[in-house]
């Protein structure tokens, strides 16, 4: 799954991860919790939504271990919620075959 700005913003419920101010997709910035400059990955579990001033203030400072684990926990909860929604779908929806997938012989 590709994590767009919209997905990252949903993780923090439309708020800056650091100060809690309201954000939109247009006003948010992606913050690397563990900075790329220090070897942080551009992977989803390392990204949070932040406002410009908070992202600038944080800069390339290293996060605490607790902060990194907290962010990973948020992503795990989000993934569990997605799996629960899929399990709640009726089996008739999940077993529908798509005609474009059938191979002509």
Foldseek 3Di string as FASTA:
>chain_A
DDQALVNQCVLVPQAAPPPGHGHDSVFWDWAQQQDVVNVGDPDPLRTHTHGPVVSVVCPNPHDDPVVSVVSNVSVVVVVVVVVVVVVPDDVVVVPDDDPVPDDDD
